[in-house]
Amino acid sequence: MKLNLYLVGSVLVAALGGLLFGFDTIVIQGTTDRLTKAFGLSEFWLGFTVASALIGTVVGSMISGRPSDAFGRRTVLIAIAVLYFVSAIGCALPLGWYWLLFFRFMGGIGIGGASVVSPMYIAEISPAPLRGRLVAVQQFNVVLGVLLAVLSNYAISQANLGENDWRWMLGVVAIPSAIFFVLLFFTPQSPRWLIGKGRIGEARQVFRRLGTDTGNLEEEIQAIQRSFALEHHSIEDPFFRRQYCKPILLAVTIAAFNQLSGVNALWYYAPAIFKMAGASARAAMLQPVILGVINLLFTTLALAIIDHFGRRKLMLLGSIGYILSLGTVAWAFYTYAAAFRIAAEAIQAGAEIPAAVVAATGIGGMVVMVSLLVFVASHAFGQGAVIWVFISEIFPNRVRARGQALGSFTHWFMDAAICWTFPIVAAKSGGHTFAFYGAMMVLQLLWVLWIMPETKGVPLESIQKTLGIE
């Protein structure tokens, strides 16, 4: 089936929600030192400041479903673009710390909403033969947004804008947010949503421009109408019941393990972690860019082979990479703790670093950097590529939306908890922190080996039967 420009353009615009999701989530990593000084934050309150957006993501992921059903996917994406824009301006020009928290929380609502609505919209406008590849554009854009965030932070940090450069780092999100807002008016409403609202004529016009699964427009519309009739018939089906116990536990577990790896603690605090390993301020801002490039490359590779290689194999390789890399990072922080501390204190005081310390931090810092590159590659190739695909496959149609919402809620809740506690724990021992994450990934490996089912190429009805769902 051939791609048409209208379909591709609509997908790319919707996927900007994913790009902003990745950008706005990670951009705060370059501001943590500045925010600590500007507002006199302790480790606890720095963690809370970073987590404020993540608390918003929990809320956004929970409340975005009903408005998207009531007003349409595109309408909610427009509202999300407004949230992103207002949040960016508010974070760049806060009247105080409380206002910064408020606007980060507002942006978090947009991030949580985008994580649910953007892929849903893309799936609903894409013909079935192209749906997998087009929905993958969303995940690619999330990772691209992460890379653009660290590149933006590095560029701004090198522009010598002074103590308030953090305002520019947080405010720059307003530019792509405004572009996202304008372009959404050139995209259609979801034809499936239009049919659900009885607006068949409008849906017919949209399908003529986007294309259909079979090429038979009227047959397509009738099939969707029958699907909605079935969904409405079972809409009151309770979610938390014994019948759905297995997929619920699988969704919660994979989402929790995703954050227990510490991956987002790394993204939010990457410059601080590299400074803990004795890096200079400039190097600490540059090294996350390298991590972002590796993240993008391995995500692209995983998305290209996930339907051929299988979900479990990617998770197995990713888990082994997690364990080896996190174990090595923990060893480096235990072994070179004294040298790292002396180097960090000397850099902060502007003093000369002893030659022996320079040699030790050179070796230890390189071990940390290479290990974190392996860690990011392992995540991108495993959990990062698998989590949302797997959760979307294990629930039956009648409760899939609620299952995805539960997985998203678990993901963002654990993200907030991990990122809030990271500065507190890492201030006491970087080794203990990464050793804990490594131990969690040992548990993930055992979960993959003994519990996780393979869903590659398996019809949804067969997956349901395997999980005991009739």
Protein backbone atom coordinates (compact mmCIF):
# COMPACT_ATOMS: atom_id res chain seq x y z
CA MET A 1 0.00 0.00 0.00
CA LYS A 2 1.36 3.40 -0.99
CA LEU A 3 1.75 6.30 1.40
CA ASN A 4 -0.05 9.52 0.51
CA LEU A 5 1.21 12.95 1.47
CA TYR A 6 -1.90 13.90 3.46
CA LEU A 7 -1.60 10.79 5.63
CA VAL A 8 2.14 11.24 6.14
CA GLY A 9 1.73 14.92 6.97
CA SER A 10 -1.03 14.22 9.51
CA VAL A 11 1.07 11.51 11.18
CA LEU A 12 4.15 13.74 11.37
CA VAL A 13 2.14 16.58 12.90
CA ALA A 14 0.54 14.29 15.49
CA ALA A 15 3.96 12.79 16.26
CA LEU A 16 5.18 16.28 17.20
CA GLY A 17 3.25 15.59 20.41
CA GLY A 18 5.75 12.79 21.03
CA LEU A 19 8.71 15.01 20.19
CA LEU A 20 7.51 17.62 22.68
CA PHE A 21 6.84 14.81 25.19
CA GLY A 22 10.51 13.77 24.98
CA PHE A 23 11.86 17.33 24.82
CA ASP A 24 9.86 18.81 27.69
CA THR A 25 10.40 15.80 29.95
CA ILE A 26 14.19 15.86 29.66
CA VAL A 27 15.02 19.55 29.17
CA ILE A 28 15.14 20.15 32.94
CA GLN A 29 18.33 18.06 33.23
CA GLY A 30 20.48 21.03 32.21
CA THR A 31 18.95 23.32 34.84
CA THR A 32 19.33 21.38 38.09
CA ASP A 33 22.48 23.15 39.32
CA ARG A 34 21.08 26.58 38.43
CA LEU A 35 17.72 25.86 40.06
CA THR A 36 19.44 24.65 43.23
CA LYS A 37 21.30 27.95 43.51
CA ALA A 38 18.45 30.20 42.35
CA PHE A 39 15.93 28.84 44.83
CA GLY A 40 18.22 27.46 47.56
CA LEU A 41 16.97 23.88 47.11
CA SER A 42 18.05 20.89 49.17
CA GLU A 43 18.39 17.46 47.53
CA PHE A 44 14.82 16.66 48.65
CA TRP A 45 13.30 19.80 47.14
CA LEU A 46 15.40 19.57 43.98
CA GLY A 47 14.00 16.07 43.49
CA PHE A 48 10.49 17.40 44.09
CA THR A 49 11.05 20.21 41.58
CA VAL A 50 12.07 17.71 38.90
CA ALA A 51 9.22 15.38 39.88
CA SER A 52 6.61 18.17 39.73
CA ALA A 53 6.23 17.70 35.98
CA LEU A 54 6.03 13.95 36.47
CA ILE A 55 3.22 14.33 38.96
CA GLY A 56 1.48 16.25 36.19
CA THR A 57 2.10 13.38 33.76
CA VAL A 58 0.30 11.00 36.12
CA VAL A 59 -2.69 13.35 36.13
CA GLY A 60 -2.53 13.94 32.37
CA SER A 61 -2.42 10.23 31.54
CA MET A 62 -5.44 9.62 33.78
CA ILE A 63 -7.70 12.43 32.55
CA SER A 64 -6.96 12.60 28.81
CA GLY A 65 -9.10 9.66 27.76
CA ARG A 66 -12.57 11.06 28.45
CA PRO A 67 -11.99 14.47 26.80
CA SER A 68 -10.56 12.76 23.71
CA ASP A 69 -13.74 10.67 23.50
CA ALA A 70 -15.99 13.68 24.09
CA PHE A 71 -14.27 16.34 21.95
CA GLY A 72 -12.02 14.38 19.60
CA ARG A 73 -8.38 13.36 19.54
CA ARG A 74 -7.26 16.36 17.47
CA THR A 75 -9.09 18.82 19.75
CA VAL A 76 -7.32 17.40 22.80
CA LEU A 77 -3.96 17.57 20.99
CA ILE A 78 -4.62 21.27 20.34
CA ALA A 79 -5.29 21.76 24.06
CA ILE A 80 -2.07 19.87 24.85
CA ALA A 81 -0.12 22.21 22.54
CA VAL A 82 -1.52 25.17 24.48
CA LEU A 83 -0.47 23.56 27.78
CA TYR A 84 3.06 23.03 26.45
CA PHE A 85 3.31 26.67 25.28
CA VAL A 86 1.94 28.26 28.46
CA SER A 87 4.08 25.96 30.61
CA ALA A 88 7.25 26.90 28.71
CA ILE A 89 6.63 30.65 29.02
CA GLY A 90 5.66 30.29 32.68
CA CYS A 91 8.80 28.26 33.51
CA ALA A 92 11.01 30.79 31.74
CA LEU A 93 9.50 33.73 33.63
CA PRO A 94 8.37 32.38 37.03
CA LEU A 95 7.58 34.82 39.82
CA GLY A 96 9.03 32.36 42.31
CA TRP A 97 9.66 28.70 43.05
CA TYR A 98 5.95 27.91 43.61
CA TRP A 99 5.09 29.32 40.21
CA LEU A 100 7.87 27.24 38.64
CA LEU A 101 6.33 24.13 40.21
CA PHE A 102 2.89 25.12 38.96
CA PHE A 103 4.00 25.60 35.35
CA ARG A 104 6.11 22.42 35.35
CA PHE A 105 3.06 20.57 36.67
CA MET A 106 0.99 22.11 33.84
CA GLY A 107 3.53 20.95 31.28
CA GLY A 108 3.45 17.50 32.86
CA ILE A 109 -0.30 17.28 32.23
CA GLY A 110 0.46 17.94 28.57
CA ILE A 111 3.18 15.27 28.52
CA GLY A 112 0.89 12.67 30.12
CA GLY A 113 -1.90 13.53 27.72
CA ALA A 114 0.39 13.36 24.69
CA SER A 115 1.68 9.93 25.76
CA VAL A 116 -1.90 8.63 25.49
CA VAL A 117 -3.57 10.68 22.72
CA SER A 118 -0.82 11.07 20.08
CA PRO A 119 -0.29 7.33 19.43
CA MET A 120 -4.05 6.73 19.68
CA TYR A 121 -4.72 9.37 17.01
CA ILE A 122 -2.01 8.03 14.71
CA ALA A 123 -3.34 4.47 15.03
CA GLU A 124 -6.87 5.62 14.20
CA ILE A 125 -5.96 7.56 11.04
CA SER A 126 -3.55 4.94 9.68
CA PRO A 127 -4.62 2.14 7.30
CA ALA A 128 -3.91 -1.29 8.82
CA PRO A 129 -1.08 -2.27 6.38
CA LEU A 130 0.86 0.85 7.41
CA ARG A 131 -0.22 1.21 11.02
CA GLY A 132 2.77 -0.40 12.73
CA ARG A 133 5.35 1.72 10.95
CA LEU A 134 3.35 4.93 11.31
CA VAL A 135 2.69 4.46 15.03
CA ALA A 136 6.44 3.79 15.43
CA VAL A 137 7.03 7.38 14.29
CA GLN A 138 5.64 8.46 17.69
CA GLN A 139 8.26 6.47 19.64
CA PHE A 140 11.01 7.66 17.30
CA ASN A 141 9.96 11.27 17.89
CA VAL A 142 9.99 10.83 21.68
CA VAL A 143 13.63 9.73 21.48
CA LEU A 144 14.41 12.49 18.96
CA GLY A 145 12.88 14.99 21.40
CA VAL A 146 15.23 13.71 24.13
CA LEU A 147 18.24 14.24 21.84
CA LEU A 148 17.07 17.72 20.84
CA ALA A 149 16.62 18.64 24.52
CA VAL A 150 20.19 17.74 25.47
CA LEU A 151 21.52 19.46 22.32
CA SER A 152 19.53 22.59 23.18
CA ASN A 153 20.78 22.55 26.77
CA TYR A 154 24.37 22.20 25.63
CA ALA A 155 24.08 25.01 23.08
CA ILE A 156 22.49 27.38 25.61
CA SER A 157 25.06 26.48 28.28
CA GLN A 158 27.85 27.48 25.85
CA ALA A 159 26.20 30.80 24.94
CA ASN A 160 27.38 32.53 28.15
CA LEU A 161 23.93 33.78 29.11
CA GLY A 162 24.80 33.94 32.80
CA GLU A 163 23.10 32.57 35.90
CA ASN A 164 19.67 32.77 34.28
CA ASP A 165 20.45 30.52 31.32
CA TRP A 166 18.07 27.97 32.85
CA ARG A 167 15.20 30.27 31.86
CA TRP A 168 16.18 29.92 28.21
CA MET A 169 16.53 26.15 28.54
CA LEU A 170 13.00 25.79 29.88
CA GLY A 171 11.47 28.52 27.70
CA VAL A 172 12.74 27.27 24.33
CA VAL A 173 10.00 24.58 24.36
CA ALA A 174 7.54 27.37 23.48
CA ILE A 175 8.83 27.49 19.88
CA PRO A 176 8.02 23.90 18.81
CA SER A 177 4.83 24.09 20.91
CA ALA A 178 3.58 27.03 18.85
CA ILE A 179 4.45 25.21 15.61
CA PHE A 180 2.59 22.11 16.86
CA PHE A 181 -0.47 24.21 17.68
CA VAL A 182 -0.65 25.83 14.23
CA LEU A 183 -0.04 22.64 12.23
CA LEU A 184 -2.78 20.71 14.07
CA PHE A 185 -5.42 22.86 12.34
CA PHE A 186 -4.32 21.34 9.02
CA THR A 187 -4.95 17.76 10.20
CA PRO A 188 -8.30 15.92 10.24
CA GLN A 189 -10.34 14.66 13.12
CA SER A 190 -9.98 10.90 13.63
CA PRO A 191 -12.43 9.20 11.24
CA ARG A 192 -13.10 6.51 13.84
CA TRP A 193 -14.06 9.18 16.38
CA LEU A 194 -16.31 10.84 13.78
CA ILE A 195 -18.09 7.54 13.12
CA GLY A 196 -18.51 7.01 16.86
CA LYS A 197 -20.24 10.42 17.00
CA GLY A 198 -22.49 9.56 14.06
CA ARG A 199 -20.78 12.05 11.72
CA ILE A 200 -20.54 9.53 8.86
CA GLY A 201 -20.35 12.08 6.04
CA GLU A 202 -17.31 13.81 7.57
CA ALA A 203 -15.65 10.46 8.25
CA ARG A 204 -16.21 9.42 4.64
CA GLN A 205 -14.44 12.57 3.41
CA VAL A 206 -11.49 12.00 5.75
CA PHE A 207 -11.13 8.35 4.65
CA ARG A 208 -11.08 9.41 1.01
CA ARG A 209 -7.98 11.50 1.76
CA LEU A 210 -6.25 9.13 4.19
CA GLY A 211 -7.01 5.78 2.56
CA THR A 212 -8.69 2.67 3.99
CA ASP A 213 -7.63 -0.82 5.02
CA THR A 214 -9.26 -2.69 2.13
CA GLY A 215 -9.93 0.00 -0.47
CA ASN A 216 -13.69 -0.42 0.00
CA LEU A 217 -14.83 2.75 1.79
CA GLU A 218 -18.39 1.70 2.65
CA GLU A 219 -17.28 -1.72 3.87
CA GLU A 220 -14.70 -0.01 6.11
CA ILE A 221 -17.29 2.33 7.62
CA GLN A 222 -19.74 -0.52 8.28
CA ALA A 223 -17.01 -2.58 9.99
CA ILE A 224 -16.11 0.36 12.27
CA GLN A 225 -19.79 0.92 13.09
CA ARG A 226 -20.13 -2.75 14.10
CA SER A 227 -16.99 -2.43 16.23
CA PHE A 228 -18.41 0.58 18.06
CA ALA A 229 -21.67 -1.25 18.65
CA LEU A 230 -19.74 -4.11 20.27
CA GLU A 231 -17.64 -1.72 22.37
CA HIS A 232 -20.75 0.12 23.60
CA HIS A 233 -22.37 -3.18 24.47
CA SER A 234 -19.47 -4.11 26.75
CA ILE A 235 -18.50 -0.64 27.98
CA GLU A 236 -19.59 -1.41 31.54
CA ASP A 237 -17.47 -4.54 31.71
CA PRO A 238 -15.55 -4.24 35.04
CA PHE A 239 -11.80 -3.91 34.62
CA PHE A 240 -10.37 -5.08 37.95
CA ARG A 241 -11.63 -8.64 37.93
CA ARG A 242 -10.06 -12.10 38.01
CA GLN A 243 -10.48 -12.52 34.24
CA TYR A 244 -8.01 -9.69 33.55
CA CYS A 245 -5.61 -10.45 36.38
CA LYS A 246 -2.75 -11.69 34.17
CA PRO A 247 -2.63 -8.79 31.69
CA ILE A 248 -3.04 -6.29 34.54
CA LEU A 249 -0.08 -7.78 36.41
CA LEU A 250 1.99 -7.94 33.21
CA ALA A 251 1.26 -4.29 32.38
CA VAL A 252 2.00 -3.04 35.90
CA THR A 253 5.18 -5.10 36.14
CA ILE A 254 6.74 -4.10 32.83
CA ALA A 255 5.88 -0.42 33.46
CA ALA A 256 7.38 -0.54 36.97
CA PHE A 257 10.57 -2.27 35.79
CA ASN A 258 10.90 0.37 33.06
CA GLN A 259 11.53 3.02 35.72
CA LEU A 260 13.27 0.81 38.29
CA SER A 261 16.13 0.60 35.80
CA GLY A 262 16.84 4.24 36.70
CA VAL A 263 16.74 5.29 33.04
CA ASN A 264 14.86 8.53 33.63
CA ALA A 265 16.94 9.35 36.69
CA LEU A 266 19.87 9.26 34.26
CA TRP A 267 18.10 11.53 31.75
CA TYR A 268 16.96 14.06 34.36
CA TYR A 269 20.24 14.19 36.26
CA ALA A 270 22.84 13.26 33.61
CA PRO A 271 25.01 16.40 34.07
CA ALA A 272 24.91 15.93 37.86
CA ILE A 273 25.89 12.25 37.51
CA PHE A 274 28.87 13.11 35.30
CA LYS A 275 29.93 15.83 37.73
CA MET A 276 29.74 13.21 40.51
CA ALA A 277 32.24 11.25 38.38
CA GLY A 278 34.64 14.21 38.29
CA ALA A 279 33.65 15.77 34.93
CA SER A 280 33.97 19.49 34.30
CA ALA A 281 30.85 21.60 33.82
CA ARG A 282 31.33 21.71 30.02
CA ALA A 283 31.92 17.95 29.74
CA ALA A 284 28.93 17.26 31.99
CA MET A 285 26.68 19.12 29.52
CA LEU A 286 28.26 17.54 26.41
CA GLN A 287 28.21 13.88 27.49
CA PRO A 288 24.37 13.65 27.61
CA VAL A 289 24.37 14.61 23.91
CA ILE A 290 26.40 11.48 23.16
CA LEU A 291 23.93 9.43 25.20
CA GLY A 292 21.08 10.97 23.20
CA VAL A 293 22.66 9.97 19.88
CA ILE A 294 23.11 6.37 21.08
CA ASN A 295 19.52 6.34 22.34
CA LEU A 296 18.22 7.44 18.93
CA LEU A 297 20.34 4.94 16.97
CA PHE A 298 19.40 1.89 19.05
CA THR A 299 15.73 2.87 19.21
CA THR A 300 15.69 3.05 15.40
CA LEU A 301 17.34 -0.39 15.20
CA ALA A 302 14.89 -1.94 17.67
CA LEU A 303 11.83 -0.52 15.92
CA ALA A 304 13.10 -1.94 12.63
CA ILE A 305 13.41 -5.52 13.95
CA ILE A 306 10.87 -5.82 16.78
CA ASP A 307 8.32 -7.64 14.60
CA HIS A 308 10.98 -10.08 13.36
CA PHE A 309 13.11 -10.62 16.46
CA GLY A 310 10.34 -10.76 19.08
CA ARG A 311 9.52 -8.88 22.27
CA ARG A 312 11.07 -11.37 24.72
CA LYS A 313 14.40 -11.57 22.90
CA LEU A 314 14.75 -7.79 22.91
CA MET A 315 13.87 -7.73 26.61
CA LEU A 316 16.37 -10.52 27.36
CA LEU A 317 19.23 -8.74 25.60
CA GLY A 318 18.24 -5.43 27.16
CA SER A 319 18.08 -6.93 30.66
CA ILE A 320 21.56 -8.47 30.35
CA GLY A 321 22.92 -5.14 29.10
CA TYR A 322 21.23 -3.35 32.01
CA ILE A 323 22.79 -5.67 34.59
CA LEU A 324 26.32 -5.50 33.16
CA SER A 325 26.31 -1.72 32.67
CA LEU A 326 24.67 -0.79 35.98
CA GLY A 327 26.94 -3.19 37.85
CA THR A 328 29.99 -1.57 36.24
CA VAL A 329 28.78 1.96 37.05
CA ALA A 330 28.19 0.95 40.67
CA TRP A 331 31.71 -0.60 40.82
CA ALA A 332 33.24 2.61 39.44
CA PHE A 333 31.51 4.79 42.03
CA TYR A 334 32.58 2.44 44.83
CA THR A 335 36.18 2.16 43.59
CA TYR A 336 36.82 5.80 42.69
CA ALA A 337 34.55 7.48 45.25
CA ALA A 338 37.35 9.39 46.99
CA ALA A 339 38.92 10.62 43.72
CA PHE A 340 35.53 11.66 42.34
CA ARG A 341 34.77 13.63 45.51
CA ILE A 342 38.12 15.44 45.56
CA ALA A 343 37.86 16.32 41.86
CA ALA A 344 34.28 17.61 42.20
CA GLU A 345 35.18 19.77 45.19
CA ALA A 346 38.27 21.17 43.42
CA ILE A 347 36.29 22.02 40.27
CA GLN A 348 33.64 23.77 42.33
CA ALA A 349 36.24 25.77 44.25
CA GLY A 350 38.28 26.55 41.13
CA ALA A 351 41.33 24.85 42.66
CA GLU A 352 43.96 22.69 40.99
CA ILE A 353 43.26 18.95 40.99
CA PRO A 354 46.17 16.75 42.18
CA ALA A 355 47.80 14.69 39.40
CA ALA A 356 46.97 11.37 41.07
CA VAL A 357 43.32 12.39 41.33
CA VAL A 358 43.29 13.47 37.67
CA ALA A 359 44.56 10.02 36.64
CA ALA A 360 42.04 8.20 38.84
CA THR A 361 39.06 10.28 37.71
CA GLY A 362 40.16 9.89 34.09
CA ILE A 363 39.93 6.11 34.35
CA GLY A 364 36.84 6.10 36.57
CA GLY A 365 35.05 8.74 34.51
CA MET A 366 35.69 6.82 31.30
CA VAL A 367 34.31 3.64 32.89
CA VAL A 368 31.17 5.51 33.95
CA MET A 369 30.71 7.08 30.50
CA VAL A 370 31.17 3.85 28.53
CA SER A 371 28.96 1.91 30.95
CA LEU A 372 26.17 4.50 30.67
CA LEU A 373 26.42 4.32 26.87
CA VAL A 374 25.86 0.56 27.12
CA PHE A 375 23.02 1.21 29.58
CA VAL A 376 21.24 3.63 27.23
CA ALA A 377 21.71 1.28 24.26
CA SER A 378 20.30 -1.60 26.33
CA HIS A 379 17.25 0.42 27.29
CA ALA A 380 16.59 1.70 23.77
CA PHE A 381 16.96 -1.80 22.29
CA GLY A 382 14.88 -3.49 25.02
CA GLN A 383 12.42 -1.82 27.37
CA GLY A 384 12.21 1.45 25.45
CA ALA A 385 11.06 -0.28 22.27
CA VAL A 386 8.91 -3.00 23.84
CA ILE A 387 6.89 -1.48 26.70
CA TRP A 388 4.10 0.32 24.83
CA VAL A 389 3.81 -2.32 22.11
CA PHE A 390 3.53 -5.09 24.70
CA ILE A 391 0.94 -3.31 26.85
CA SER A 392 -1.22 -2.57 23.81
CA GLU A 393 -1.23 -6.26 22.83
CA ILE A 394 -2.09 -8.04 26.06
CA PHE A 395 -5.53 -6.53 26.74
CA PRO A 396 -8.72 -7.45 24.86
CA ASN A 397 -10.48 -4.75 22.82
CA ARG A 398 -13.19 -4.11 25.40
CA VAL A 399 -10.72 -3.00 28.11
CA ARG A 400 -7.64 -2.03 26.07
CA ALA A 401 -8.01 1.71 26.70
CA ARG A 402 -8.24 1.14 30.45
CA GLY A 403 -5.30 -1.27 30.33
CA GLN A 404 -3.14 1.24 28.48
CA ALA A 405 -4.14 3.95 30.96
CA LEU A 406 -3.12 1.68 33.85
CA GLY A 407 0.26 0.98 32.24
CA SER A 408 0.82 4.68 31.58
CA PHE A 409 -0.19 5.59 35.14
CA THR A 410 2.21 3.01 36.60
CA HIS A 411 5.03 4.24 34.35
CA TRP A 412 4.64 7.90 35.31
CA PHE A 413 4.01 7.20 39.00
CA MET A 414 7.23 5.17 39.25
CA ASP A 415 9.06 7.79 37.19
CA ALA A 416 8.08 10.51 39.66
CA ALA A 417 9.06 8.36 42.67
CA ILE A 418 12.48 7.41 41.26
CA CYS A 419 13.37 10.92 40.11
CA TRP A 420 12.25 12.53 43.36
CA THR A 421 14.41 10.20 45.46
CA PHE A 422 17.49 10.07 43.21
CA PRO A 423 19.22 13.28 44.44
CA ILE A 424 18.70 12.25 48.08
CA VAL A 425 20.11 8.74 47.65
CA ALA A 426 22.87 9.70 45.19
CA ALA A 427 24.13 12.41 47.55
CA LYS A 428 24.95 9.66 50.05
CA SER A 429 26.31 7.04 47.65
CA GLY A 430 26.34 6.85 43.87
CA GLY A 431 27.44 3.22 44.16
CA HIS A 432 24.43 2.21 46.26
CA THR A 433 22.07 3.96 43.83
CA PHE A 434 23.25 2.14 40.70
CA ALA A 435 23.65 -1.16 42.58
CA PHE A 436 19.95 -0.94 43.51
CA TYR A 437 18.93 -0.30 39.90
CA GLY A 438 21.10 -3.24 38.81
CA ALA A 439 19.45 -5.54 41.36
CA MET A 440 16.02 -4.52 40.03
CA MET A 441 17.15 -5.48 36.54
CA VAL A 442 18.16 -8.93 37.79
CA LEU A 443 14.53 -9.31 38.88
CA GLN A 444 13.40 -8.08 35.45
CA LEU A 445 15.56 -10.72 33.76
CA LEU A 446 13.96 -13.45 35.88
CA TRP A 447 10.51 -12.02 35.05
CA VAL A 448 11.27 -12.14 31.32
CA LEU A 449 12.60 -15.71 31.54
CA TRP A 450 9.80 -17.17 33.66
CA ILE A 451 6.69 -15.02 33.18
CA MET A 452 6.67 -12.72 30.13
CA PRO A 453 4.83 -14.26 27.15
CA GLU A 454 5.96 -13.76 23.57
CA THR A 455 3.38 -11.81 21.54
CA LYS A 456 5.25 -11.48 18.23
CA GLY A 457 3.04 -12.48 15.33
CA VAL A 458 0.36 -13.94 17.61
CA PRO A 459 -3.26 -12.94 16.88
CA LEU A 460 -4.82 -10.91 19.67
CA GLU A 461 -7.48 -13.57 20.23
CA SER A 462 -4.77 -16.19 20.74
CA ILE A 463 -2.93 -13.93 23.20
CA GLN A 464 -6.15 -13.57 25.17
CA LYS A 465 -6.63 -17.34 25.31
CA THR A 466 -3.01 -17.81 26.43
CA LEU A 467 -3.66 -15.39 29.29
CA GLY A 468 -6.89 -17.14 30.24
CA ILE A 469 -9.22 -14.50 28.79
CA GLU A 470 -12.22 -15.68 26.80
